[in-house]
Amino acid sequence: MNTTVRFPRRLIEERRIAFVHVGRNVRIPEAALEAFVAAGLVEPITTTRRRRAA
């Protein structure tokens, strides 16, 4: 995800993403990561803009 180490830790602390404890380690399932990214996806506006000829 090309982020700082603090960002996923903050997501876990704020319970904004699903995670699993495996012993002392914390893991984020791939499906949870994909859902988080999809939730923040902004769709492009589909209107076409045409430039006027000069």
PDB file of N, CA and C in Angstrom:
ATOM      1  N   MET A   1       0.809  -1.205   0.000  1.00  0.00           N
ATOM      2  CA  MET A   1       0.000   0.000   0.000  1.00  0.00           C
ATOM      3  C   MET A   1       0.846   1.260   0.000  1.00  0.00           C
ATOM      4  N   ASN A   2       2.094   1.216  -0.079  1.00  0.00           N
ATOM      5  CA  ASN A   2       2.948   2.396  -0.164  1.00  0.00           C
ATOM      6  C   ASN A   2       2.548   3.489   0.828  1.00  0.00           C
ATOM      7  N   THR A   3       2.425   3.125   2.096  1.00  0.00           N
ATOM      8  CA  THR A   3       2.074   4.070   3.152  1.00  0.00           C
ATOM      9  C   THR A   3       3.117   3.998   4.251  1.00  0.00           C
ATOM     10  N   THR A   4       2.984   4.877   5.216  1.00  0.00           N
ATOM     11  CA  THR A   4       3.856   4.809   6.382  1.00  0.00           C
ATOM     12  C   THR A   4       3.433   3.629   7.249  1.00  0.00           C
ATOM     13  N   VAL A   5       4.281   3.231   8.165  1.00  0.00           N
ATOM     14  CA  VAL A   5       3.954   2.138   9.088  1.00  0.00           C
ATOM     15  C   VAL A   5       2.802   2.556   9.996  1.00  0.00           C
ATOM     16  N   ARG A   6       2.729   3.816  10.308  1.00  0.00           N
ATOM     17  CA  ARG A   6       1.708   4.323  11.228  1.00  0.00           C
ATOM     18  C   ARG A   6       0.290   4.202  10.662  1.00  0.00           C
ATOM     19  N   PHE A   7       0.128   4.338   9.356  1.00  0.00           N
ATOM     20  CA  PHE A   7      -1.212   4.339   8.767  1.00  0.00           C
ATOM     21  C   PHE A   7      -1.989   3.044   9.023  1.00  0.00           C
ATOM     22  N   PRO A   8      -1.451   1.858   8.700  1.00  0.00           N
ATOM     23  CA  PRO A   8      -2.217   0.639   9.012  1.00  0.00           C
ATOM     24  C   PRO A   8      -2.424   0.449  10.515  1.00  0.00           C
ATOM     25  N   ARG A   9      -1.452   0.857  11.305  1.00  0.00           N
ATOM     26  CA  ARG A   9      -1.624   0.758  12.763  1.00  0.00           C
ATOM     27  C   ARG A   9      -2.773   1.634  13.237  1.00  0.00           C
ATOM     28  N   ARG A  10      -2.887   2.823  12.651  1.00  0.00           N
ATOM     29  CA  ARG A  10      -3.988   3.721  13.016  1.00  0.00           C
ATOM     30  C   ARG A  10      -5.330   3.139  12.576  1.00  0.00           C
ATOM     31  N   LEU A  11      -5.376   2.544  11.385  1.00  0.00           N
ATOM     32  CA  LEU A  11      -6.613   1.908  10.920  1.00  0.00           C
ATOM     33  C   LEU A  11      -7.048   0.805  11.880  1.00  0.00           C
ATOM     34  N   ILE A  12      -6.094   0.024  12.352  1.00  0.00           N
ATOM     35  CA  ILE A  12      -6.401  -1.060  13.290  1.00  0.00           C
ATOM     36  C   ILE A  12      -6.857  -0.483  14.623  1.00  0.00           C
ATOM     37  N   GLU A  13      -6.150   0.520  15.115  1.00  0.00           N
ATOM     38  CA  GLU A  13      -6.497   1.133  16.401  1.00  0.00           C
ATOM     39  C   GLU A  13      -7.896   1.736  16.371  1.00  0.00           C
ATOM     40  N   GLU A  14      -8.255   2.367  15.270  1.00  0.00           N
ATOM     41  CA  GLU A  14      -9.564   3.005  15.131  1.00  0.00           C
ATOM     42  C   GLU A  14     -10.645   2.027  14.682  1.00  0.00           C
ATOM     43  N   ARG A  15     -10.269   0.756  14.487  1.00  0.00           N
ATOM     44  CA  ARG A  15     -11.199  -0.302  14.054  1.00  0.00           C
ATOM     45  C   ARG A  15     -11.854   0.044  12.722  1.00  0.00           C
ATOM     46  N   ARG A  16     -11.095   0.661  11.833  1.00  0.00           N
ATOM     47  CA  ARG A  16     -11.611   1.019  10.511  1.00  0.00           C
ATOM     48  C   ARG A  16     -11.351  -0.063   9.484  1.00  0.00           C
ATOM     49  N   ILE A  17     -10.582  -1.104   9.870  1.00  0.00           N
ATOM     50  CA  ILE A  17     -10.284  -2.211   8.969  1.00  0.00           C
ATOM     51  C   ILE A  17     -10.267  -3.498   9.795  1.00  0.00           C
ATOM     52  N   ALA A  18     -10.692  -4.584   9.170  1.00  0.00           N
ATOM     53  CA  ALA A  18     -10.711  -5.883   9.864  1.00  0.00           C
ATOM     54  C   ALA A  18      -9.282  -6.398  10.012  1.00  0.00           C
ATOM     55  N   PHE A  19      -9.020  -7.062  11.130  1.00  0.00           N
ATOM     56  CA  PHE A  19      -7.694  -7.625  11.356  1.00  0.00           C
ATOM     57  C   PHE A  19      -7.806  -8.884  12.197  1.00  0.00           C
ATOM     58  N   VAL A  20      -6.728  -9.662  12.220  1.00  0.00           N
ATOM     59  CA  VAL A  20      -6.700 -10.936  12.934  1.00  0.00           C
ATOM     60  C   VAL A  20      -5.413 -10.988  13.752  1.00  0.00           C
ATOM     61  N   HIS A  21      -5.539 -11.419  15.010  1.00  0.00           N
ATOM     62  CA  HIS A  21      -4.351 -11.661  15.827  1.00  0.00           C
ATOM     63  C   HIS A  21      -3.868 -13.079  15.570  1.00  0.00           C
ATOM     64  N   VAL A  22      -2.587 -13.229  15.242  1.00  0.00           N
ATOM     65  CA  VAL A  22      -1.958 -14.537  15.077  1.00  0.00           C
ATOM     66  C   VAL A  22      -0.791 -14.539  16.064  1.00  0.00           C
ATOM     67  N   GLY A  23      -1.051 -15.075  17.245  1.00  0.00           N
ATOM     68  CA  GLY A  23      -0.050 -14.982  18.306  1.00  0.00           C
ATOM     69  C   GLY A  23       0.115 -13.529  18.701  1.00  0.00           C
ATOM     70  N   ARG A  24       1.344 -13.034  18.646  1.00  0.00           N
ATOM     71  CA  ARG A  24       1.602 -11.625  18.964  1.00  0.00           C
ATOM     72  C   ARG A  24       1.459 -10.727  17.738  1.00  0.00           C
ATOM     73  N   ASN A  25       1.363 -11.320  16.588  1.00  0.00           N
ATOM     74  CA  ASN A  25       1.298 -10.563  15.338  1.00  0.00           C
ATOM     75  C   ASN A  25      -0.133 -10.194  14.984  1.00  0.00           C
ATOM     76  N   VAL A  26      -0.264  -9.129  14.235  1.00  0.00           N
ATOM     77  CA  VAL A  26      -1.561  -8.686  13.731  1.00  0.00           C
ATOM     78  C   VAL A  26      -1.505  -8.781  12.214  1.00  0.00           C
ATOM     79  N   ARG A  27      -2.503  -9.413  11.633  1.00  0.00           N
ATOM     80  CA  ARG A  27      -2.567  -9.575  10.179  1.00  0.00           C
ATOM     81  C   ARG A  27      -3.850  -8.937   9.655  1.00  0.00           C
ATOM     82  N   ILE A  28      -3.748  -8.346   8.479  1.00  0.00           N
ATOM     83  CA  ILE A  28      -4.915  -7.783   7.799  1.00  0.00           C
ATOM     84  C   ILE A  28      -5.206  -8.694   6.620  1.00  0.00           C
ATOM     85  N   PRO A  29      -6.393  -9.326   6.602  1.00  0.00           N
ATOM     86  CA  PRO A  29      -6.722 -10.205   5.474  1.00  0.00           C
ATOM     87  C   PRO A  29      -6.770  -9.419   4.156  1.00  0.00           C
ATOM     88  N   GLU A  30      -6.376 -10.074   3.091  1.00  0.00           N
ATOM     89  CA  GLU A  30      -6.358  -9.428   1.781  1.00  0.00           C
ATOM     90  C   GLU A  30      -7.747  -8.927   1.392  1.00  0.00           C
ATOM     91  N   ALA A  31      -8.781  -9.703   1.712  1.00  0.00           N
ATOM     92  CA  ALA A  31     -10.156  -9.298   1.383  1.00  0.00           C
ATOM     93  C   ALA A  31     -10.533  -8.016   2.127  1.00  0.00           C
ATOM     94  N   ALA A  32     -10.088  -7.875   3.370  1.00  0.00           N
ATOM     95  CA  ALA A  32     -10.385  -6.666   4.147  1.00  0.00           C
ATOM     96  C   ALA A  32      -9.675  -5.459   3.545  1.00  0.00           C
ATOM     97  N   LEU A  33      -8.459  -5.663   3.082  1.00  0.00           N
ATOM     98  CA  LEU A  33      -7.710  -4.582   2.451  1.00  0.00           C
ATOM     99  C   LEU A  33      -8.368  -4.152   1.143  1.00  0.00           C
ATOM    100  N   GLU A  34      -8.794  -5.125   0.339  1.00  0.00           N
ATOM    101  CA  GLU A  34      -9.480  -4.805  -0.918  1.00  0.00           C
ATOM    102  C   GLU A  34     -10.794  -4.079  -0.654  1.00  0.00           C
ATOM    103  N   ALA A  35     -11.523  -4.482   0.392  1.00  0.00           N
ATOM    104  CA  ALA A  35     -12.785  -3.817   0.740  1.00  0.00           C
ATOM    105  C   ALA A  35     -12.529  -2.382   1.189  1.00  0.00           C
ATOM    106  N   PHE A  36     -11.461  -2.161   1.945  1.00  0.00           N
ATOM    107  CA  PHE A  36     -11.119  -0.817   2.407  1.00  0.00           C
ATOM    108  C   PHE A  36     -10.799   0.093   1.222  1.00  0.00           C
ATOM    109  N   VAL A  37     -10.029  -0.414   0.289  1.00  0.00           N
ATOM    110  CA  VAL A  37      -9.669   0.371  -0.893  1.00  0.00           C
ATOM    111  C   VAL A  37     -10.911   0.644  -1.742  1.00  0.00           C
ATOM    112  N   ALA A  38     -11.763  -0.363  -1.920  1.00  0.00           N
ATOM    113  CA  ALA A  38     -12.984  -0.192  -2.722  1.00  0.00           C
ATOM    114  C   ALA A  38     -13.931   0.817  -2.081  1.00  0.00           C
ATOM    115  N   ALA A  39     -13.974   0.860  -0.758  1.00  0.00           N
ATOM    116  CA  ALA A  39     -14.856   1.804  -0.063  1.00  0.00           C
ATOM    117  C   ALA A  39     -14.412   3.247  -0.294  1.00  0.00           C
ATOM    118  N   GLY A  40     -13.137   3.458  -0.548  1.00  0.00           N
ATOM    119  CA  GLY A  40     -12.629   4.805  -0.776  1.00  0.00           C
ATOM    120  C   GLY A  40     -12.534   5.179  -2.242  1.00  0.00           C
ATOM    121  N   LEU A  41     -12.966   4.287  -3.117  1.00  0.00           N
ATOM    122  CA  LEU A  41     -12.876   4.521  -4.552  1.00  0.00           C
ATOM    123  C   LEU A  41     -13.847   5.615  -4.981  1.00  0.00           C
ATOM    124  N   VAL A  42     -13.357   6.549  -5.752  1.00  0.00           N
ATOM    125  CA  VAL A  42     -14.195   7.622  -6.290  1.00  0.00           C
ATOM    126  C   VAL A  42     -14.301   7.398  -7.790  1.00  0.00           C
ATOM    127  N   GLU A  43     -15.510   7.188  -8.263  1.00  0.00           N
ATOM    128  CA  GLU A  43     -15.737   6.941  -9.686  1.00  0.00           C
ATOM    129  C   GLU A  43     -15.586   8.242 -10.474  1.00  0.00           C
ATOM    130  N   PRO A  44     -15.055   8.165 -11.688  1.00  0.00           N
ATOM    131  CA  PRO A  44     -14.901   9.375 -12.499  1.00  0.00           C
ATOM    132  C   PRO A  44     -16.247   9.862 -13.031  1.00  0.00           C
ATOM    133  N   ILE A  45     -16.311  11.140 -13.293  1.00  0.00           N
ATOM    134  CA  ILE A  45     -17.505  11.719 -13.908  1.00  0.00           C
ATOM    135  C   ILE A  45     -17.479  11.328 -15.380  1.00  0.00           C
ATOM    136  N   THR A  46     -18.614  10.849 -15.891  1.00  0.00           N
ATOM    137  CA  THR A  46     -18.624  10.299 -17.245  1.00  0.00           C
ATOM    138  C   THR A  46     -19.113  11.278 -18.310  1.00  0.00           C
ATOM    139  N   THR A  47     -19.336  12.522 -17.954  1.00  0.00           N
ATOM    140  CA  THR A  47     -19.758  13.476 -18.976  1.00  0.00           C
ATOM    141  C   THR A  47     -18.578  13.805 -19.874  1.00  0.00           C
ATOM    142  N   THR A  48     -18.872  13.998 -21.131  1.00  0.00           N
ATOM    143  CA  THR A  48     -17.808  14.334 -22.074  1.00  0.00           C
ATOM    144  C   THR A  48     -17.772  15.845 -22.258  1.00  0.00           C
ATOM    145  N   ARG A  49     -16.599  16.381 -22.200  1.00  0.00           N
ATOM    146  CA  ARG A  49     -16.423  17.816 -22.416  1.00  0.00           C
ATOM    147  C   ARG A  49     -15.698  17.995 -23.743  1.00  0.00           C
ATOM    148  N   ARG A  50     -16.230  18.844 -24.552  1.00  0.00           N
ATOM    149  CA  ARG A  50     -15.612  19.091 -25.853  1.00  0.00           C
ATOM    150  C   ARG A  50     -15.052  20.503 -25.873  1.00  0.00           C
ATOM    151  N   ARG A  51     -13.882  20.601 -26.430  1.00  0.00           N
ATOM    152  CA  ARG A  51     -13.267  21.913 -26.569  1.00  0.00           C
ATOM    153  C   ARG A  51     -13.845  22.616 -27.789  1.00  0.00           C
ATOM    154  N   ARG A  52     -14.011  23.880 -27.647  1.00  0.00           N
ATOM    155  CA  ARG A  52     -14.498  24.665 -28.773  1.00  0.00           C
ATOM    156  C   ARG A  52     -13.338  25.015 -29.687  1.00  0.00           C
ATOM    157  N   ALA A  53     -13.598  24.966 -30.952  1.00  0.00           N
ATOM    158  CA  ALA A  53     -12.563  25.310 -31.934  1.00  0.00           C
ATOM    159  C   ALA A  53     -12.276  26.803 -31.860  1.00  0.00           C
ATOM    160  N   ALA A  54     -11.021  27.163 -32.009  1.00  0.00           N
ATOM    161  CA  ALA A  54     -10.640  28.580 -31.917  1.00  0.00           C
ATOM    162  C   ALA A  54     -10.833  29.310 -33.205  1.00  0.00           C
TER     163      ALA A  54
END
